[in-house]
Amino acid sequence: MEQVKYKWGHEKRYNDFSTYFKNKFEERVQKVSVDAGFTCPNRDGSKGVGGCTYCNNKTFKPTYCNLESSVANQVKEGVEFFGKKYKSMKFLAYFQAFTNTYAPLENLKLLYEEALEHPKVVGLVISTRPDGVNDELLDYLAELSKTMYIMVEFGLESHLDKSLKLINRGHTFAESIWALEQTAKRGINNCAHLILGLQGESRDELLEQAKVISKLPIKNLKLHQLQIHKGTLLEKQYLQNPAQFKMFTLEEYIELVVDYLELLNPIIIVERFVSQAPAEMLIAPKWGLKNFEFVAKVEKRLKQRETWQGRLFEL
């Protein structure tokens, strides 16, 4: 089995992002996070208030991201931060915090193009919501994608409308499908972000999710376990009624990920399985593992079970 090349062209048992990225770019490429001061439609009253129940953006915001600093300066500081080790490294400006398409197009152009002015930036990664894009914006991004790497990362979070309503997302899964189809149609790279373990979602529903998303034109996939972060509505809900949450043990989540991978379309590139908030901001689950340590455990379990991504996938 070790010598078998899978559909993605290498010996790893899943279509991993790291290998794909190394093959795509001649030099080492690193994402540099940018906070451009956006909000979200479920925060400002457009579709709701309070934001998503699980959201605390401080859990993934690097120290060099500072709203008092311009986009150009944040990019510069990020490039200097990562460029110390590899002088030939190139960068993608990662507009990460909140909904990074939630502004008039002319404003967005100024922000994106300010980031692209840095000579070492070779593209953009834009984190947003499925209801945060429109045809005009996507046409603009399609033009950019002809000469550079453009990735639009959509927070789908669930394929179930009942869950989207429960976590105060403010959009439907039908809108997620539209956004993925429209980016793919224009040749724009897309990424679907999904949370495994939301309240009320059964294991069977999570595995059904793998089948559902496998039918969609998804380029990259980010999975992560539900985490309870301090300072969120989810924290209050968890402390008041922990029984409504299924907090996976490490072993349970590894098995779920392997089962999910078996059902997943092999053409989908898997960017991550887990996310880890800073320890001081995390309430549960506390596994005490780095992301790369979790990946090693998944790879070990895939080998033990003699299985791989897409083994049970059906068109």
C-alpha atoms as a PDB file:
ATOM      1  CA  MET A   1       0.000   0.000   0.000  1.00  0.00           C
ATOM      2  CA  GLU A   2       2.877   2.379   0.746  1.00  0.00           C
ATOM      3  CA  GLN A   3       3.964   2.409  -2.932  1.00  0.00           C
ATOM      4  CA  VAL A   4       0.494   3.194  -4.284  1.00  0.00           C
ATOM      5  CA  LYS A   5       0.017   6.613  -5.814  1.00  0.00           C
ATOM      6  CA  TYR A   6      -3.456   7.895  -5.146  1.00  0.00           C
ATOM      7  CA  LYS A   7      -5.551  10.065  -7.448  1.00  0.00           C
ATOM      8  CA  TRP A   8      -3.775  13.185  -6.174  1.00  0.00           C
ATOM      9  CA  GLY A   9      -0.428  11.828  -7.389  1.00  0.00           C
ATOM     10  CA  HIS A  10       1.567  11.056  -4.243  1.00  0.00           C
ATOM     11  CA  GLU A  11       1.777   8.480  -1.459  1.00  0.00           C
ATOM     12  CA  LYS A  12      -0.005  10.376   1.315  1.00  0.00           C
ATOM     13  CA  ARG A  13      -3.368   8.851   2.152  1.00  0.00           C
ATOM     14  CA  TYR A  14      -5.228  12.114   1.701  1.00  0.00           C
ATOM     15  CA  ASN A  15      -5.051  15.016  -0.721  1.00  0.00           C
ATOM     16  CA  ASP A  16      -3.085  17.325   1.548  1.00  0.00           C
ATOM     17  CA  PHE A  17      -2.710  21.063   1.121  1.00  0.00           C
ATOM     18  CA  SER A  18       0.990  21.209   1.992  1.00  0.00           C
ATOM     19  CA  THR A  19       2.025  18.964  -0.898  1.00  0.00           C
ATOM     20  CA  TYR A  20      -0.343  20.733  -3.297  1.00  0.00           C
ATOM     21  CA  PHE A  21       1.034  24.136  -2.323  1.00  0.00           C
ATOM     22  CA  LYS A  22       4.673  23.057  -2.691  1.00  0.00           C
ATOM     23  CA  ASN A  23       3.932  21.733  -6.156  1.00  0.00           C
ATOM     24  CA  LYS A  24       2.026  24.866  -7.195  1.00  0.00           C
ATOM     25  CA  PHE A  25       4.700  27.418  -6.285  1.00  0.00           C
ATOM     26  CA  GLU A  26       8.375  27.259  -7.184  1.00  0.00           C
ATOM     27  CA  GLU A  27       9.422  29.004  -3.971  1.00  0.00           C
ATOM     28  CA  ARG A  28       8.219  28.814  -0.387  1.00  0.00           C
ATOM     29  CA  VAL A  29       4.953  30.745   0.089  1.00  0.00           C
ATOM     30  CA  GLN A  30       3.532  31.918   3.429  1.00  0.00           C
ATOM     31  CA  LYS A  31       0.223  33.541   4.359  1.00  0.00           C
ATOM     32  CA  VAL A  32       0.465  36.905   6.134  1.00  0.00           C
ATOM     33  CA  SER A  33      -2.642  37.870   8.110  1.00  0.00           C
ATOM     34  CA  VAL A  34      -4.188  41.304   7.626  1.00  0.00           C
ATOM     35  CA  ASP A  35      -6.900  42.950   9.731  1.00  0.00           C
ATOM     36  CA  ALA A  36      -8.537  45.628   7.600  1.00  0.00           C
ATOM     37  CA  GLY A  37     -11.171  46.600  10.157  1.00  0.00           C
ATOM     38  CA  PHE A  38     -14.179  44.780   8.695  1.00  0.00           C
ATOM     39  CA  THR A  39     -17.291  43.785  10.612  1.00  0.00           C
ATOM     40  CA  CYS A  40     -20.018  41.237   9.710  1.00  0.00           C
ATOM     41  CA  PRO A  41     -23.670  41.513   8.664  1.00  0.00           C
ATOM     42  CA  ASN A  42     -24.685  39.447  11.705  1.00  0.00           C
ATOM     43  CA  ARG A  43     -22.911  41.937  13.961  1.00  0.00           C
ATOM     44  CA  ASP A  44     -23.932  45.340  12.627  1.00  0.00           C
ATOM     45  CA  GLY A  45     -27.687  44.680  12.485  1.00  0.00           C
ATOM     46  CA  SER A  46     -27.905  44.062   8.747  1.00  0.00           C
ATOM     47  CA  LYS A  47     -28.802  40.410   9.370  1.00  0.00           C
ATOM     48  CA  GLY A  48     -28.394  40.192  13.100  1.00  0.00           C
ATOM     49  CA  VAL A  49     -26.413  41.304  16.113  1.00  0.00           C
ATOM     50  CA  GLY A  50     -23.867  39.648  18.359  1.00  0.00           C
ATOM     51  CA  GLY A  51     -22.081  37.720  15.628  1.00  0.00           C
ATOM     52  CA  CYS A  52     -21.719  33.945  15.491  1.00  0.00           C
ATOM     53  CA  THR A  53     -22.153  32.265  18.863  1.00  0.00           C
ATOM     54  CA  TYR A  54     -18.695  30.632  18.698  1.00  0.00           C
ATOM     55  CA  CYS A  55     -16.708  33.599  17.394  1.00  0.00           C
ATOM     56  CA  ASN A  56     -13.857  35.340  19.153  1.00  0.00           C
ATOM     57  CA  ASN A  57     -11.488  36.673  16.488  1.00  0.00           C
ATOM     58  CA  LYS A  58      -8.718  37.138  19.047  1.00  0.00           C
ATOM     59  CA  THR A  59      -8.154  33.378  18.931  1.00  0.00           C
ATOM     60  CA  PHE A  60      -6.466  33.571  15.513  1.00  0.00           C
ATOM     61  CA  LYS A  61      -5.222  37.157  15.200  1.00  0.00           C
ATOM     62  CA  PRO A  62      -1.409  37.529  15.043  1.00  0.00           C
ATOM     63  CA  THR A  63       0.255  40.196  17.147  1.00  0.00           C
ATOM     64  CA  TYR A  64       1.366  42.198  14.106  1.00  0.00           C
ATOM     65  CA  CYS A  65      -2.277  42.769  13.085  1.00  0.00           C
ATOM     66  CA  ASN A  66      -3.207  46.143  14.490  1.00  0.00           C
ATOM     67  CA  LEU A  67      -6.163  48.266  13.389  1.00  0.00           C
ATOM     68  CA  GLU A  68      -4.087  51.389  13.956  1.00  0.00           C
ATOM     69  CA  SER A  69      -1.688  50.106  11.307  1.00  0.00           C
ATOM     70  CA  SER A  70      -2.376  50.367   7.565  1.00  0.00           C
ATOM     71  CA  VAL A  71      -2.809  47.288   5.387  1.00  0.00           C
ATOM     72  CA  ALA A  72       0.542  48.056   3.737  1.00  0.00           C
ATOM     73  CA  ASN A  73       2.285  48.280   7.100  1.00  0.00           C
ATOM     74  CA  GLN A  74       0.706  45.061   8.404  1.00  0.00           C
ATOM     75  CA  VAL A  75       1.857  43.267   5.269  1.00  0.00           C
ATOM     76  CA  LYS A  76       5.348  44.737   5.646  1.00  0.00           C
ATOM     77  CA  GLU A  77       5.597  43.655   9.287  1.00  0.00           C
ATOM     78  CA  GLY A  78       4.258  40.188   8.477  1.00  0.00           C
ATOM     79  CA  VAL A  79       6.745  39.755   5.634  1.00  0.00           C
ATOM     80  CA  GLU A  80       9.592  40.833   7.924  1.00  0.00           C
ATOM     81  CA  PHE A  81       8.352  38.502  10.676  1.00  0.00           C
ATOM     82  CA  PHE A  82       8.325  35.389   8.464  1.00  0.00           C
ATOM     83  CA  GLY A  83      11.091  36.432   6.068  1.00  0.00           C
ATOM     84  CA  LYS A  84      13.877  36.246   8.649  1.00  0.00           C
ATOM     85  CA  LYS A  85      14.281  32.511   8.095  1.00  0.00           C
ATOM     86  CA  TYR A  86      13.789  32.290   4.331  1.00  0.00           C
ATOM     87  CA  LYS A  87      15.004  35.250   2.287  1.00  0.00           C
ATOM     88  CA  SER A  88      13.482  33.977  -0.973  1.00  0.00           C
ATOM     89  CA  MET A  89      10.011  33.433   0.527  1.00  0.00           C
ATOM     90  CA  LYS A  90       6.908  34.843  -1.211  1.00  0.00           C
ATOM     91  CA  PHE A  91       3.654  35.768   0.513  1.00  0.00           C
ATOM     92  CA  LEU A  92      -0.128  35.758   0.254  1.00  0.00           C
ATOM     93  CA  ALA A  93      -1.960  38.594   2.021  1.00  0.00           C
ATOM     94  CA  TYR A  94      -4.566  36.838   4.166  1.00  0.00           C
ATOM     95  CA  PHE A  95      -7.562  39.066   4.901  1.00  0.00           C
ATOM     96  CA  GLN A  96      -8.721  36.977   7.844  1.00  0.00           C
ATOM     97  CA  ALA A  97     -10.668  38.781  10.570  1.00  0.00           C
ATOM     98  CA  PHE A  98     -14.474  38.967  10.223  1.00  0.00           C
ATOM     99  CA  THR A  99     -16.108  39.345   6.746  1.00  0.00           C
ATOM    100  CA  ASN A 100     -13.431  40.640   4.370  1.00  0.00           C
ATOM    101  CA  THR A 101     -15.747  41.426   1.463  1.00  0.00           C
ATOM    102  CA  TYR A 102     -18.232  43.421   3.516  1.00  0.00           C
ATOM    103  CA  ALA A 103     -17.729  46.873   1.985  1.00  0.00           C
ATOM    104  CA  PRO A 104     -18.380  48.656  -1.326  1.00  0.00           C
ATOM    105  CA  LEU A 105     -16.303  47.263  -4.174  1.00  0.00           C
ATOM    106  CA  GLU A 106     -14.314  50.466  -4.640  1.00  0.00           C
ATOM    107  CA  ASN A 107     -13.214  50.309  -0.994  1.00  0.00           C
ATOM    108  CA  LEU A 108     -12.307  46.648  -1.334  1.00  0.00           C
ATOM    109  CA  LYS A 109     -10.192  47.318  -4.417  1.00  0.00           C
ATOM    110  CA  LEU A 110      -8.172  49.911  -2.524  1.00  0.00           C
ATOM    111  CA  LEU A 111      -7.504  47.532   0.373  1.00  0.00           C
ATOM    112  CA  TYR A 112      -6.670  44.473  -1.740  1.00  0.00           C
ATOM    113  CA  GLU A 113      -4.456  46.412  -4.122  1.00  0.00           C
ATOM    114  CA  GLU A 114      -2.642  48.085  -1.237  1.00  0.00           C
ATOM    115  CA  ALA A 115      -1.642  44.614  -0.039  1.00  0.00           C
ATOM    116  CA  LEU A 116      -0.631  43.559  -3.553  1.00  0.00           C
ATOM    117  CA  GLU A 117       1.749  46.513  -3.882  1.00  0.00           C
ATOM    118  CA  HIS A 118       4.331  44.721  -1.739  1.00  0.00           C
ATOM    119  CA  PRO A 119       6.856  43.145  -4.155  1.00  0.00           C
ATOM    120  CA  LYS A 120       6.876  39.828  -2.293  1.00  0.00           C
ATOM    121  CA  VAL A 121       3.082  39.390  -2.242  1.00  0.00           C
ATOM    122  CA  VAL A 122       1.948  37.032  -5.012  1.00  0.00           C
ATOM    123  CA  GLY A 123      -1.749  36.811  -4.210  1.00  0.00           C
ATOM    124  CA  LEU A 124      -4.653  37.133  -1.800  1.00  0.00           C
ATOM    125  CA  VAL A 125      -6.597  34.852   0.508  1.00  0.00           C
ATOM    126  CA  ILE A 126      -9.918  36.451   1.426  1.00  0.00           C
ATOM    127  CA  SER A 127     -12.001  35.075   4.285  1.00  0.00           C
ATOM    128  CA  THR A 128     -15.711  35.836   4.016  1.00  0.00           C
ATOM    129  CA  ARG A 129     -19.268  34.492   4.211  1.00  0.00           C
ATOM    130  CA  PRO A 130     -21.278  32.873   1.402  1.00  0.00           C
ATOM    131  CA  ASP A 131     -23.699  35.814   1.495  1.00  0.00           C
ATOM    132  CA  GLY A 132     -20.828  38.313   1.491  1.00  0.00           C
ATOM    133  CA  VAL A 133     -20.028  38.145  -2.214  1.00  0.00           C
ATOM    134  CA  ASN A 134     -21.845  39.269  -5.351  1.00  0.00           C
ATOM    135  CA  ASP A 135     -21.361  39.008  -9.099  1.00  0.00           C
ATOM    136  CA  GLU A 136     -19.565  42.354  -9.401  1.00  0.00           C
ATOM    137  CA  LEU A 137     -16.986  41.461  -6.749  1.00  0.00           C
ATOM    138  CA  LEU A 138     -16.471  37.966  -8.132  1.00  0.00           C
ATOM    139  CA  ASP A 139     -15.927  39.335 -11.636  1.00  0.00           C
ATOM    140  CA  TYR A 140     -13.210  41.621 -10.236  1.00  0.00           C
ATOM    141  CA  LEU A 141     -11.543  38.734  -8.367  1.00  0.00           C
ATOM    142  CA  ALA A 142     -11.735  36.591 -11.506  1.00  0.00           C
ATOM    143  CA  GLU A 143      -9.710  39.245 -13.360  1.00  0.00           C
ATOM    144  CA  LEU A 144      -7.097  39.286 -10.592  1.00  0.00           C
ATOM    145  CA  SER A 145      -6.906  35.504 -10.618  1.00  0.00           C
ATOM    146  CA  LYS A 146      -5.693  35.530 -14.219  1.00  0.00           C
ATOM    147  CA  THR A 147      -2.315  36.886 -13.099  1.00  0.00           C
ATOM    148  CA  MET A 148      -1.983  35.828  -9.435  1.00  0.00           C
ATOM    149  CA  TYR A 149      -3.220  33.378  -6.823  1.00  0.00           C
ATOM    150  CA  ILE A 150      -6.650  34.297  -5.451  1.00  0.00           C
ATOM    151  CA  MET A 151      -8.434  32.197  -2.838  1.00  0.00           C
ATOM    152  CA  VAL A 152     -11.865  33.030  -1.407  1.00  0.00           C
ATOM    153  CA  GLU A 153     -12.440  31.212   1.864  1.00  0.00           C
ATOM    154  CA  PHE A 154     -16.099  30.742   2.795  1.00  0.00           C
ATOM    155  CA  GLY A 155     -17.330  30.062   6.309  1.00  0.00           C
ATOM    156  CA  LEU A 156     -19.993  27.450   5.578  1.00  0.00           C
ATOM    157  CA  GLU A 157     -19.767  25.976   9.121  1.00  0.00           C
ATOM    158  CA  SER A 158     -22.590  23.460   8.523  1.00  0.00           C
ATOM    159  CA  HIS A 159     -24.716  21.935   5.766  1.00  0.00           C
ATOM    160  CA  LEU A 160     -27.771  22.056   8.030  1.00  0.00           C
ATOM    161  CA  ASP A 161     -29.915  25.196   8.123  1.00  0.00           C
ATOM    162  CA  LYS A 162     -31.063  24.323  11.660  1.00  0.00           C
ATOM    163  CA  SER A 163     -27.446  24.578  12.827  1.00  0.00           C
ATOM    164  CA  LEU A 164     -26.767  27.785  10.894  1.00  0.00           C
ATOM    165  CA  LYS A 165     -29.770  29.359  12.606  1.00  0.00           C
ATOM    166  CA  LEU A 166     -28.694  28.073  16.021  1.00  0.00           C
ATOM    167  CA  ILE A 167     -25.220  29.619  15.759  1.00  0.00           C
ATOM    168  CA  ASN A 168     -26.594  32.925  14.385  1.00  0.00           C
ATOM    169  CA  ARG A 169     -24.866  32.722  11.005  1.00  0.00           C
ATOM    170  CA  GLY A 170     -27.567  34.665   9.182  1.00  0.00           C
ATOM    171  CA  HIS A 171     -27.273  32.741   5.914  1.00  0.00           C
ATOM    172  CA  THR A 172     -28.537  29.439   4.516  1.00  0.00           C
ATOM    173  CA  PHE A 173     -26.760  26.457   3.018  1.00  0.00           C
ATOM    174  CA  ALA A 174     -28.346  27.313  -0.333  1.00  0.00           C
ATOM    175  CA  GLU A 175     -26.318  30.550  -0.257  1.00  0.00           C
ATOM    176  CA  SER A 176     -23.200  28.495   0.442  1.00  0.00           C
ATOM    177  CA  ILE A 177     -23.849  26.378  -2.637  1.00  0.00           C
ATOM    178  CA  TRP A 178     -24.348  29.504  -4.771  1.00  0.00           C
ATOM    179  CA  ALA A 179     -21.081  31.077  -3.580  1.00  0.00           C
ATOM    180  CA  LEU A 180     -19.052  27.927  -4.243  1.00  0.00           C
ATOM    181  CA  GLU A 181     -20.569  27.463  -7.689  1.00  0.00           C
ATOM    182  CA  GLN A 182     -20.029  31.092  -8.687  1.00  0.00           C
ATOM    183  CA  THR A 183     -16.352  31.157  -7.649  1.00  0.00           C
ATOM    184  CA  ALA A 184     -15.664  27.825  -9.349  1.00  0.00           C
ATOM    185  CA  LYS A 185     -17.438  28.957 -12.527  1.00  0.00           C
ATOM    186  CA  ARG A 186     -15.099  31.957 -12.724  1.00  0.00           C
ATOM    187  CA  GLY A 187     -11.943  29.948 -12.089  1.00  0.00           C
ATOM    188  CA  ILE A 188     -11.410  31.454  -8.624  1.00  0.00           C
ATOM    189  CA  ASN A 189      -9.924  29.157  -5.995  1.00  0.00           C
ATOM    190  CA  ASN A 190     -12.341  28.565  -3.147  1.00  0.00           C
ATOM    191  CA  CYS A 191     -12.169  27.006   0.292  1.00  0.00           C
ATOM    192  CA  ALA A 192     -15.020  25.668   2.427  1.00  0.00           C
ATOM    193  CA  HIS A 193     -14.697  26.015   6.194  1.00  0.00           C
ATOM    194  CA  LEU A 194     -16.765  23.603   8.321  1.00  0.00           C
ATOM    195  CA  ILE A 195     -17.083  22.969  12.059  1.00  0.00           C
ATOM    196  CA  LEU A 196     -17.538  19.409  13.292  1.00  0.00           C
ATOM    197  CA  GLY A 197     -19.505  19.041  16.521  1.00  0.00           C
ATOM    198  CA  LEU A 198     -22.069  21.859  16.599  1.00  0.00           C
ATOM    199  CA  GLN A 199     -24.908  21.394  19.087  1.00  0.00           C
ATOM    200  CA  GLY A 200     -27.521  18.915  17.968  1.00  0.00           C
ATOM    201  CA  GLU A 201     -25.557  17.495  15.041  1.00  0.00           C
ATOM    202  CA  SER A 202     -25.267  13.704  15.176  1.00  0.00           C
ATOM    203  CA  ARG A 203     -22.308  11.675  13.970  1.00  0.00           C
ATOM    204  CA  ASP A 204     -24.431  10.371  11.109  1.00  0.00           C
ATOM    205  CA  GLU A 205     -25.278  13.933  10.065  1.00  0.00           C
ATOM    206  CA  LEU A 206     -21.587  14.870  10.081  1.00  0.00           C
ATOM    207  CA  LEU A 207     -20.739  11.924   7.830  1.00  0.00           C
ATOM    208  CA  GLU A 208     -23.664  12.832   5.579  1.00  0.00           C
ATOM    209  CA  GLN A 209     -22.072  16.283   5.355  1.00  0.00           C
ATOM    210  CA  ALA A 210     -18.983  14.722   3.759  1.00  0.00           C
ATOM    211  CA  LYS A 211     -21.222  13.225   1.054  1.00  0.00           C
ATOM    212  CA  VAL A 212     -23.099  16.497   0.517  1.00  0.00           C
ATOM    213  CA  ILE A 213     -20.041  18.713   0.127  1.00  0.00           C
ATOM    214  CA  SER A 214     -18.353  16.126  -2.105  1.00  0.00           C
ATOM    215  CA  LYS A 215     -20.931  16.972  -4.772  1.00  0.00           C
ATOM    216  CA  LEU A 216     -20.015  20.676  -4.725  1.00  0.00           C
ATOM    217  CA  PRO A 217     -17.202  22.424  -6.673  1.00  0.00           C
ATOM    218  CA  ILE A 218     -14.958  22.829  -3.613  1.00  0.00           C
ATOM    219  CA  LYS A 219     -11.211  23.299  -4.207  1.00  0.00           C
ATOM    220  CA  ASN A 220      -9.946  23.340  -0.595  1.00  0.00           C
ATOM    221  CA  LEU A 221     -11.493  22.205   2.682  1.00  0.00           C
ATOM    222  CA  LYS A 222     -10.827  23.369   6.235  1.00  0.00           C
ATOM    223  CA  LEU A 223     -12.298  21.278   9.016  1.00  0.00           C
ATOM    224  CA  HIS A 224     -12.052  21.897  12.707  1.00  0.00           C
ATOM    225  CA  GLN A 225     -13.514  20.625  15.905  1.00  0.00           C
ATOM    226  CA  LEU A 226     -16.010  22.752  17.782  1.00  0.00           C
ATOM    227  CA  GLN A 227     -14.104  24.764  20.379  1.00  0.00           C
ATOM    228  CA  ILE A 228     -15.574  26.712  23.266  1.00  0.00           C
ATOM    229  CA  HIS A 229     -13.756  30.038  23.484  1.00  0.00           C
ATOM    230  CA  LYS A 230     -13.871  32.491  26.347  1.00  0.00           C
ATOM    231  CA  GLY A 231     -15.855  35.644  25.715  1.00  0.00           C
ATOM    232  CA  THR A 232     -18.431  34.053  23.410  1.00  0.00           C
ATOM    233  CA  LEU A 233     -22.138  33.296  23.647  1.00  0.00           C
ATOM    234  CA  LEU A 234     -21.194  29.661  23.170  1.00  0.00           C
ATOM    235  CA  GLU A 235     -19.234  29.827  26.431  1.00  0.00           C
ATOM    236  CA  LYS A 236     -22.369  30.937  28.296  1.00  0.00           C
ATOM    237  CA  GLN A 237     -24.474  28.230  26.644  1.00  0.00           C
ATOM    238  CA  TYR A 238     -21.877  25.586  27.453  1.00  0.00           C
ATOM    239  CA  LEU A 239     -21.552  26.584  31.103  1.00  0.00           C
ATOM    240  CA  GLN A 240     -25.326  26.714  31.529  1.00  0.00           C
ATOM    241  CA  ASN A 241     -26.037  23.379  29.840  1.00  0.00           C
ATOM    242  CA  PRO A 242     -22.960  21.316  28.907  1.00  0.00           C
ATOM    243  CA  ALA A 243     -25.129  18.296  28.134  1.00  0.00           C
ATOM    244  CA  GLN A 244     -26.321  19.887  24.872  1.00  0.00           C
ATOM    245  CA  PHE A 245     -22.756  19.714  23.526  1.00  0.00           C
ATOM    246  CA  LYS A 246     -20.963  16.654  22.245  1.00  0.00           C
ATOM    247  CA  MET A 247     -17.339  17.475  23.014  1.00  0.00           C
ATOM    248  CA  PHE A 248     -15.245  14.845  21.270  1.00  0.00           C
ATOM    249  CA  THR A 249     -12.363  13.137  22.987  1.00  0.00           C
ATOM    250  CA  LEU A 250      -9.181  13.187  20.938  1.00  0.00           C
ATOM    251  CA  GLU A 251      -9.632   9.544  19.936  1.00  0.00           C
ATOM    252  CA  GLU A 252     -13.289  10.078  18.946  1.00  0.00           C
ATOM    253  CA  TYR A 253     -12.421  13.038  16.765  1.00  0.00           C
ATOM    254  CA  ILE A 254      -9.597  11.177  15.021  1.00  0.00           C
ATOM    255  CA  GLU A 255     -11.999   8.357  14.143  1.00  0.00           C
ATOM    256  CA  LEU A 256     -14.582  10.863  12.911  1.00  0.00           C
ATOM    257  CA  VAL A 257     -12.006  12.572  10.682  1.00  0.00           C
ATOM    258  CA  VAL A 258     -10.891   9.253   9.182  1.00  0.00           C
ATOM    259  CA  ASP A 259     -14.506   8.213   8.536  1.00  0.00           C
ATOM    260  CA  TYR A 260     -15.171  11.646   6.997  1.00  0.00           C
ATOM    261  CA  LEU A 261     -12.118  11.370   4.743  1.00  0.00           C
ATOM    262  CA  GLU A 262     -13.234   7.970   3.459  1.00  0.00           C
ATOM    263  CA  LEU A 263     -16.438   9.556   2.132  1.00  0.00           C
ATOM    264  CA  LEU A 264     -14.803  12.731   0.808  1.00  0.00           C
ATOM    265  CA  ASN A 265     -14.338  13.422  -2.890  1.00  0.00           C
ATOM    266  CA  PRO A 266     -10.619  12.757  -3.582  1.00  0.00           C
ATOM    267  CA  ILE A 267     -10.251  15.887  -5.718  1.00  0.00           C
ATOM    268  CA  ILE A 268     -10.897  18.121  -2.673  1.00  0.00           C
ATOM    269  CA  ILE A 269      -7.652  19.404  -1.124  1.00  0.00           C
ATOM    270  CA  VAL A 270      -7.703  19.120   2.667  1.00  0.00           C
ATOM    271  CA  GLU A 271      -6.110  22.172   4.235  1.00  0.00           C
ATOM    272  CA  ARG A 272      -6.605  21.262   7.890  1.00  0.00           C
ATOM    273  CA  PHE A 273      -8.427  18.982  10.336  1.00  0.00           C
ATOM    274  CA  VAL A 274      -8.231  20.998  13.538  1.00  0.00           C
ATOM    275  CA  SER A 275      -7.794  24.486  14.899  1.00  0.00           C
ATOM    276  CA  GLN A 276      -6.175  25.322  18.195  1.00  0.00           C
ATOM    277  CA  ALA A 277      -7.015  28.492  20.106  1.00  0.00           C
ATOM    278  CA  PRO A 278      -4.483  29.910  22.584  1.00  0.00           C
ATOM    279  CA  ALA A 279      -4.658  27.939  25.843  1.00  0.00           C
ATOM    280  CA  GLU A 280      -5.680  30.988  27.862  1.00  0.00           C
ATOM    281  CA  MET A 281      -8.756  31.484  25.637  1.00  0.00           C
ATOM    282  CA  LEU A 282      -9.863  27.844  25.355  1.00  0.00           C
ATOM    283  CA  ILE A 283     -12.464  26.255  27.612  1.00  0.00           C
ATOM    284  CA  ALA A 284     -12.978  22.935  25.797  1.00  0.00           C
ATOM    285  CA  PRO A 285     -11.862  20.550  24.423  1.00  0.00           C
ATOM    286  CA  LYS A 286      -8.345  20.649  25.866  1.00  0.00           C
ATOM    287  CA  TRP A 287      -6.368  18.042  23.959  1.00  0.00           C
ATOM    288  CA  GLY A 288      -2.958  19.652  24.415  1.00  0.00           C
ATOM    289  CA  LEU A 289      -1.846  18.871  20.859  1.00  0.00           C
ATOM    290  CA  LYS A 290      -0.270  21.013  18.180  1.00  0.00           C
ATOM    291  CA  ASN A 291      -1.880  20.859  14.745  1.00  0.00           C
ATOM    292  CA  PHE A 292       1.017  18.913  13.220  1.00  0.00           C
ATOM    293  CA  GLU A 293       0.795  16.358  16.047  1.00  0.00           C
ATOM    294  CA  PHE A 294      -2.880  15.807  15.277  1.00  0.00           C
ATOM    295  CA  VAL A 295      -2.125  15.380  11.574  1.00  0.00           C
ATOM    296  CA  ALA A 296       0.462  12.706  12.441  1.00  0.00           C
ATOM    297  CA  LYS A 297      -2.166  10.812  14.450  1.00  0.00           C
ATOM    298  CA  VAL A 298      -4.662  10.955  11.569  1.00  0.00           C
ATOM    299  CA  GLU A 299      -2.018   9.709   9.128  1.00  0.00           C
ATOM    300  CA  LYS A 300      -1.130   6.885  11.524  1.00  0.00           C
ATOM    301  CA  ARG A 301      -4.803   5.899  11.891  1.00  0.00           C
ATOM    302  CA  LEU A 302      -5.361   5.943   8.115  1.00  0.00           C
ATOM    303  CA  LYS A 303      -2.452   3.531   7.768  1.00  0.00           C
ATOM    304  CA  GLN A 304      -3.686   1.294  10.602  1.00  0.00           C
ATOM    305  CA  ARG A 305      -7.109   1.062   8.993  1.00  0.00           C
ATOM    306  CA  GLU A 306      -5.604   0.633   5.506  1.00  0.00           C
ATOM    307  CA  THR A 307      -7.855   3.365   4.181  1.00  0.00           C
ATOM    308  CA  TRP A 308      -7.583   6.714   2.401  1.00  0.00           C
ATOM    309  CA  GLN A 309      -9.519   9.798   1.308  1.00  0.00           C
ATOM    310  CA  GLY A 310     -12.311   8.879  -1.058  1.00  0.00           C
ATOM    311  CA  ARG A 311     -12.180   5.110  -0.504  1.00  0.00           C
ATOM    312  CA  LEU A 312     -15.962   5.096  -0.004  1.00  0.00           C
ATOM    313  CA  PHE A 313     -16.693   8.109  -2.196  1.00  0.00           C
ATOM    314  CA  GLU A 314     -19.488   7.678  -4.713  1.00  0.00           C
ATOM    315  CA  LEU A 315     -20.455  10.130  -7.445  1.00  0.00           C
END
